[in-house]
Every structure is written in C-alpha cells, then in structure tokens.
Amino acid sequence: MKRKEDKAISLWRRFLKTRNVKLRNELVVHYSHLVHSQAARLSRKLPAQVSYDEICSAAFDGLIEAVESYDPAHKAKFETFCQQRICGAVMDWLRGLDPQSRTVRTFEKTRQTVRERLDAEKGRPPDQSEIAERMGITLARYDQLCRLSQLGKEVHFSAMEPQAERNARGPARSWDVGDTRCPSPSESMSREMLTEYITRGLAREERLVLVLYYYEDLTMSEIGSVLKLSESRVSQIHKDILTRLRHRFGPTLCEELVA
C-alpha cells in the first residue's frame, strides 16, 4: 500500500509539472478502481437497461476530466474530488440519452392534440398555419420546433444506402471501413453473450459480484467495500453462485466464464 501511495505521489508531481498525456493516462489507470466502485454503486440504482459497462465508459470520462483539472493547492483529497466528477459525468451521459429537450417534447404532445381537435372540427387534416394559430405561436416558431423535433428521430443505416446498393447482394456498405489493427468484435460479443446467458436469472447483486471479480479483477474485500458487504459475505455469495451455476452448466463453467 505504501509503495502504491509513493507511486501516485511521484506521478502527480511529474504530471502537474509537465502535463504529459502519458503520465495522465498512468494516473487514470492508477485510480481506475474509483470508476468501478462508483459504477457498481450507480448500477444498483439505475434501470437494468443501463449496463455496467456503459456506466464505466461514462465514468472514465469523468475520471480523465478530474485528473486534468485537479489542483492539490485547494487541499481537497483527489478521491473526494474525483468521485464528484465521475458521478457528474455519468449523470451528463444519462441526460444525453434523451436528444430532445422538455420544450420540444411538450411541443410534440400539444401539436398532436391540436391536430386531432382541428381534424375533428373541420373534417379535414389542418395545415401548419392553422395548427400554429391554435397553439398560440407564430408560424416561424412552429417551423423551428418542428425541425428540432426531427433531430431526435432514429435514422436506420439502410436509409443511407443508394437504392441500387440496397437491392444488390453482398455485405458491402458505404460506411463499412475495416480496421485491421483491431481484433474482431465478434470475440468480445461472443464472450458478452456467454456471460449474459450464464448469469441469466441471477440477482443484480450476484451479477455484480461476478463482473467485479472476474472482469474487473477486484478482490473480495474491494467488492465488499463497493457493495457495502463484509468480505466473508461476498465470498459466500460467490461460492453459492458457482455452486448453482455448476449444477446448471457442469464443471467447465469457471473456465468458460473467465476465458
């Protein structure tokens, strides 16, 4: 522990003096356990649709920002300063998932209601000027909000292809650009699907124990700190999970899980 603290102090001194990107990245790696701790805590509060990996990705943005903006002259511990930035980065990411503002969403609902009422009154679909007048806004403002409401609509990649390419056979697409330096994404996807299949039916806390232990290399003690459980309780949960999974999948489970 003393050696790790000395290493962190040395890294901070050199980074604050040079602002070297390589040193910054070493500090990010050194404090990466803070990301996993915060991500695990947040994942217990957020909907199941938000994955632990997605939270970690956003949290690392906060960690990088914290390292770059930290000033020890303010005498705040980096861990405290960093946790606030990590939580802020995750919340900003979650807000960014909704591309439309409250004003635009309210406009969409009101426009739909007004359109239906005018349609019933006039016996025909109303035009834009009639809808804008009933809503009490100018036609220019109506057009502006209509354009903003379209920004959040999904566009499928297939719509970007020329008609001839969509009708042609073969996998070629104009946006497909292979990177020979990167491993095939099918490997990580296969591993993710395997883990999802193996851990199906487990409680969220049990899934976190497996992910933090086998994927993030946290110790039982560190997992206990994250989940606010004793080390012995985490060890017992881990043992119970493996016993149940071995019963379901056979003795080769651990090799498949950590491969």
Protein backbone atom coordinates (compact mmCIF):
# COMPACT_ATOMS: atom_id res chain seq x y z
CA MET A 1 0.00 0.00 0.00
CA LYS A 2 2.84 2.39 0.90
CA ARG A 3 4.51 1.65 -2.42
CA LYS A 4 1.30 2.46 -4.34
CA GLU A 5 0.92 5.76 -2.46
CA ASP A 6 4.54 6.71 -3.21
CA LYS A 7 3.99 5.87 -6.88
CA ALA A 8 0.86 8.06 -7.00
CA ILE A 9 2.69 10.99 -5.38
CA SER A 10 5.53 10.66 -7.88
CA LEU A 11 3.11 10.51 -10.81
CA TRP A 12 1.24 13.58 -9.60
CA ARG A 13 4.43 15.60 -9.21
CA ARG A 14 5.63 14.78 -12.71
CA PHE A 15 2.20 15.25 -14.30
CA LEU A 16 1.50 18.62 -12.63
CA LYS A 17 4.89 19.82 -13.81
CA THR A 18 4.74 18.58 -17.42
CA ARG A 19 1.03 17.89 -18.15
CA ASN A 20 2.24 14.90 -20.14
CA VAL A 21 -0.59 12.80 -21.63
CA LYS A 22 1.21 9.52 -20.90
CA LEU A 23 1.51 10.45 -17.22
CA ARG A 24 -2.14 11.45 -17.18
CA ASN A 25 -3.09 8.04 -18.54
CA GLU A 26 -0.98 6.33 -15.86
CA LEU A 27 -2.88 8.28 -13.21
CA VAL A 28 -6.18 7.24 -14.80
CA VAL A 29 -5.11 3.59 -14.62
CA HIS A 30 -3.95 4.05 -11.01
CA TYR A 31 -7.34 5.44 -9.96
CA SER A 32 -9.46 3.18 -12.18
CA HIS A 33 -10.74 1.34 -9.09
CA LEU A 34 -12.72 4.51 -8.24
CA VAL A 35 -14.55 4.19 -11.56
CA HIS A 36 -15.50 0.57 -10.90
CA SER A 37 -16.63 1.38 -7.36
CA GLN A 38 -18.84 4.28 -8.43
CA ALA A 39 -20.17 2.39 -11.46
CA ALA A 40 -21.15 -0.57 -9.30
CA ARG A 41 -22.97 1.69 -6.83
CA LEU A 42 -24.78 3.58 -9.58
CA SER A 43 -25.74 0.42 -11.46
CA ARG A 44 -27.74 -0.72 -8.43
CA LYS A 45 -29.86 2.44 -8.61
CA LEU A 46 -30.31 2.74 -12.39
CA PRO A 47 -32.69 0.73 -14.62
CA ALA A 48 -31.50 -2.66 -15.83
CA GLN A 49 -31.39 -1.34 -19.42
CA VAL A 50 -28.33 0.72 -18.47
CA SER A 51 -25.42 -1.71 -18.41
CA TYR A 52 -22.44 -1.65 -16.05
CA ASP A 53 -20.03 -1.30 -19.00
CA GLU A 54 -21.87 1.78 -20.30
CA ILE A 55 -21.71 3.40 -16.87
CA CYS A 56 -17.97 2.64 -16.66
CA SER A 57 -17.37 4.23 -20.05
CA ALA A 58 -19.06 7.46 -18.96
CA ALA A 59 -17.34 7.33 -15.57
CA PHE A 60 -13.89 7.12 -17.17
CA ASP A 61 -14.64 10.40 -18.96
CA GLY A 62 -15.23 11.92 -15.53
CA LEU A 63 -12.01 10.42 -14.18
CA ILE A 64 -9.95 11.83 -17.06
CA GLU A 65 -11.51 15.25 -16.56
CA ALA A 66 -10.82 15.05 -12.82
CA VAL A 67 -7.14 14.22 -13.35
CA GLU A 68 -6.73 17.08 -15.82
CA SER A 69 -8.48 19.69 -13.65
CA TYR A 70 -7.32 18.64 -10.17
CA ASP A 71 -5.40 21.28 -8.22
CA PRO A 72 -3.81 19.99 -4.99
CA ALA A 73 -3.41 23.61 -3.84
CA HIS A 74 -7.10 23.55 -2.93
CA LYS A 75 -6.21 20.84 -0.37
CA ALA A 76 -9.12 18.57 -1.33
CA LYS A 77 -8.35 14.86 -1.49
CA PHE A 78 -8.30 13.66 -5.08
CA GLU A 79 -10.55 10.70 -4.27
CA THR A 80 -13.28 13.05 -2.99
CA PHE A 81 -12.86 15.48 -5.87
CA CYS A 82 -12.83 12.63 -8.38
CA GLN A 83 -15.99 10.92 -7.15
CA GLN A 84 -17.99 14.10 -7.71
CA ARG A 85 -16.68 14.41 -11.27
CA ILE A 86 -17.37 10.74 -12.01
CA CYS A 87 -20.98 10.96 -10.81
CA GLY A 88 -21.42 14.20 -12.75
CA ALA A 89 -20.08 12.62 -15.95
CA VAL A 90 -22.45 9.65 -15.62
CA MET A 91 -25.44 11.94 -15.00
CA ASP A 92 -24.49 14.08 -18.02
CA TRP A 93 -24.28 10.92 -20.14
CA LEU A 94 -27.70 9.76 -18.95
CA ARG A 95 -29.23 13.15 -19.75
CA GLY A 96 -27.61 12.99 -23.17
CA LEU A 97 -29.50 9.78 -23.96
CA ASP A 98 -32.60 11.92 -24.48
CA PRO A 99 -31.81 14.10 -27.53
CA GLN A 100 -34.93 16.23 -27.14
CA SER A 101 -35.45 18.98 -24.59
CA ARG A 102 -38.55 19.28 -22.42
CA THR A 103 -39.76 22.16 -24.60
CA VAL A 104 -39.63 20.03 -27.75
CA ARG A 105 -41.36 17.07 -26.10
CA THR A 106 -44.13 19.36 -24.79
CA PHE A 107 -44.50 20.87 -28.26
CA GLU A 108 -44.87 17.40 -29.83
CA LYS A 109 -47.64 16.42 -27.41
CA THR A 110 -49.50 19.71 -27.80
CA ARG A 111 -49.21 19.65 -31.60
CA GLN A 112 -50.66 16.14 -31.76
CA THR A 113 -53.60 17.10 -29.53
CA VAL A 114 -54.33 20.29 -31.52
CA ARG A 115 -54.07 18.46 -34.86
CA GLU A 116 -56.62 15.85 -33.74
CA ARG A 117 -59.07 18.52 -32.47
CA LEU A 118 -58.83 20.60 -35.65
CA ASP A 119 -59.24 17.48 -37.77
CA ALA A 120 -62.46 16.66 -35.89
CA GLU A 121 -63.76 20.24 -36.12
CA LYS A 122 -63.01 20.86 -39.80
CA GLY A 123 -63.46 17.35 -41.14
CA ARG A 124 -60.08 17.51 -42.88
CA PRO A 125 -56.39 17.49 -41.92
CA PRO A 126 -55.40 21.02 -40.76
CA ASP A 127 -52.48 22.84 -42.34
CA GLN A 128 -49.46 24.12 -40.38
CA SER A 129 -50.66 27.70 -40.11
CA GLU A 130 -53.96 26.57 -38.55
CA ILE A 131 -52.15 24.39 -36.01
CA ALA A 132 -49.69 27.20 -35.15
CA GLU A 133 -52.55 29.69 -34.70
CA ARG A 134 -54.48 27.35 -32.38
CA MET A 135 -51.29 26.71 -30.37
CA GLY A 136 -50.78 30.45 -30.00
CA ILE A 137 -47.33 30.61 -31.61
CA THR A 138 -46.01 32.15 -34.82
CA LEU A 139 -45.58 30.04 -37.92
CA ALA A 140 -41.81 30.68 -37.82
CA ARG A 141 -41.61 29.37 -34.23
CA TYR A 142 -43.77 26.39 -35.21
CA ASP A 143 -41.40 25.53 -38.09
CA GLN A 144 -38.36 25.86 -35.80
CA LEU A 145 -39.80 23.48 -33.20
CA CYS A 146 -40.81 21.02 -35.94
CA ARG A 147 -37.20 20.91 -37.18
CA LEU A 148 -35.87 20.44 -33.63
CA SER A 149 -38.31 17.58 -33.01
CA GLN A 150 -36.89 15.73 -36.02
CA LEU A 151 -33.35 15.80 -34.59
CA GLY A 152 -34.18 13.07 -32.12
CA LYS A 153 -35.74 10.70 -34.64
CA GLU A 154 -33.91 7.45 -35.42
CA VAL A 155 -32.44 7.02 -38.89
CA HIS A 156 -31.52 3.47 -39.91
CA PHE A 157 -28.22 2.95 -41.71
CA SER A 158 -30.10 1.24 -44.52
CA ALA A 159 -31.68 4.59 -45.36
CA MET A 160 -28.21 5.96 -46.13
CA GLU A 161 -27.60 3.46 -48.91
CA PRO A 162 -28.44 4.20 -52.53
CA GLN A 163 -31.38 2.11 -53.75
CA ALA A 164 -29.10 0.11 -56.09
CA GLU A 165 -26.85 -0.91 -53.19
CA ARG A 166 -29.80 -1.89 -51.01
CA ASN A 167 -31.05 -4.19 -53.78
CA ALA A 168 -27.63 -5.67 -54.51
CA ARG A 169 -26.37 -8.77 -52.79
CA GLY A 170 -23.29 -8.81 -50.62
CA PRO A 171 -22.17 -7.15 -47.35
CA ALA A 172 -20.58 -4.05 -48.93
CA ARG A 173 -21.83 -0.75 -47.43
CA SER A 174 -20.56 2.76 -47.89
CA TRP A 175 -19.93 3.28 -44.15
CA ASP A 176 -18.15 -0.05 -43.54
CA VAL A 177 -14.44 0.71 -43.02
CA GLY A 178 -12.43 -2.15 -41.56
CA ASP A 179 -9.60 -1.57 -39.07
CA THR A 180 -7.05 -4.35 -39.41
CA ARG A 181 -5.29 -3.23 -36.22
CA CYS A 182 -8.26 -4.09 -34.01
CA PRO A 183 -9.38 -7.59 -33.01
CA SER A 184 -12.66 -8.86 -34.36
CA PRO A 185 -15.60 -7.51 -32.31
CA SER A 186 -17.24 -10.92 -32.60
CA GLU A 187 -14.86 -12.25 -29.92
CA SER A 188 -15.87 -9.74 -27.25
CA MET A 189 -19.50 -10.03 -28.34
CA SER A 190 -19.41 -13.82 -28.00
CA ARG A 191 -17.91 -13.50 -24.54
CA GLU A 192 -20.54 -10.94 -23.54
CA MET A 193 -23.36 -13.15 -24.83
CA LEU A 194 -21.91 -16.14 -22.99
CA THR A 195 -21.73 -14.21 -19.73
CA GLU A 196 -25.28 -12.91 -20.23
CA TYR A 197 -26.51 -16.47 -20.78
CA ILE A 198 -24.62 -17.89 -17.81
CA THR A 199 -25.75 -15.18 -15.37
CA ARG A 200 -29.37 -15.12 -16.53
CA GLY A 201 -31.69 -15.39 -13.56
CA LEU A 202 -29.16 -14.13 -11.04
CA ALA A 203 -29.99 -11.18 -8.82
CA ARG A 204 -28.35 -7.87 -9.72
CA GLU A 205 -26.06 -8.05 -6.68
CA GLU A 206 -24.95 -11.55 -7.68
CA ARG A 207 -24.21 -10.41 -11.26
CA LEU A 208 -22.12 -7.54 -9.89
CA VAL A 209 -20.07 -9.90 -7.77
CA LEU A 210 -19.21 -11.99 -10.84
CA VAL A 211 -18.46 -8.98 -13.06
CA LEU A 212 -16.31 -7.20 -10.49
CA TYR A 213 -14.40 -10.36 -9.57
CA TYR A 214 -13.83 -11.97 -12.99
CA TYR A 215 -13.84 -8.95 -15.32
CA GLU A 216 -12.59 -6.03 -13.21
CA ASP A 217 -10.16 -8.09 -11.07
CA LEU A 218 -11.37 -6.64 -7.79
CA THR A 219 -10.64 -8.59 -4.62
CA MET A 220 -13.37 -9.90 -2.35
CA SER A 221 -12.52 -7.13 0.12
CA GLU A 222 -12.80 -4.42 -2.56
CA ILE A 223 -16.12 -5.85 -3.79
CA GLY A 224 -17.37 -5.80 -0.21
CA SER A 225 -16.49 -2.11 0.05
CA VAL A 226 -18.34 -1.36 -3.18
CA LEU A 227 -21.46 -3.32 -2.28
CA LYS A 228 -21.29 -2.43 1.42
CA LEU A 229 -20.98 -6.08 2.45
CA SER A 230 -18.42 -7.94 4.53
CA GLU A 231 -15.65 -9.81 2.75
CA SER A 232 -16.93 -13.10 4.12
CA ARG A 233 -20.44 -12.34 2.82
CA VAL A 234 -19.09 -11.59 -0.67
CA SER A 235 -17.09 -14.82 -0.57
CA GLN A 236 -20.20 -16.77 0.45
CA ILE A 237 -22.26 -15.16 -2.37
CA HIS A 238 -19.52 -16.07 -4.85
CA LYS A 239 -19.39 -19.66 -3.60
CA ASP A 240 -23.19 -20.03 -3.73
CA ILE A 241 -23.32 -18.65 -7.28
CA LEU A 242 -20.67 -21.06 -8.57
CA THR A 243 -22.36 -23.99 -6.87
CA ARG A 244 -25.68 -23.16 -8.53
CA LEU A 245 -24.09 -22.49 -11.92
CA ARG A 246 -22.02 -25.69 -11.85
CA HIS A 247 -25.21 -27.58 -11.14
CA ARG A 248 -26.78 -25.96 -14.23
CA PHE A 249 -23.86 -25.98 -16.67
CA GLY A 250 -21.36 -28.59 -15.48
CA PRO A 251 -17.77 -28.48 -14.13
CA THR A 252 -16.30 -26.44 -17.02
CA LEU A 253 -18.19 -23.29 -16.01
CA CYS A 254 -15.29 -21.33 -14.49
CA GLU A 255 -13.04 -21.91 -17.49
CA GLU A 256 -15.76 -20.56 -19.82
CA LEU A 257 -16.59 -17.61 -17.59
CA VAL A 258 -13.08 -16.21 -17.31
CA ALA A 259 -11.77 -17.27 -20.77
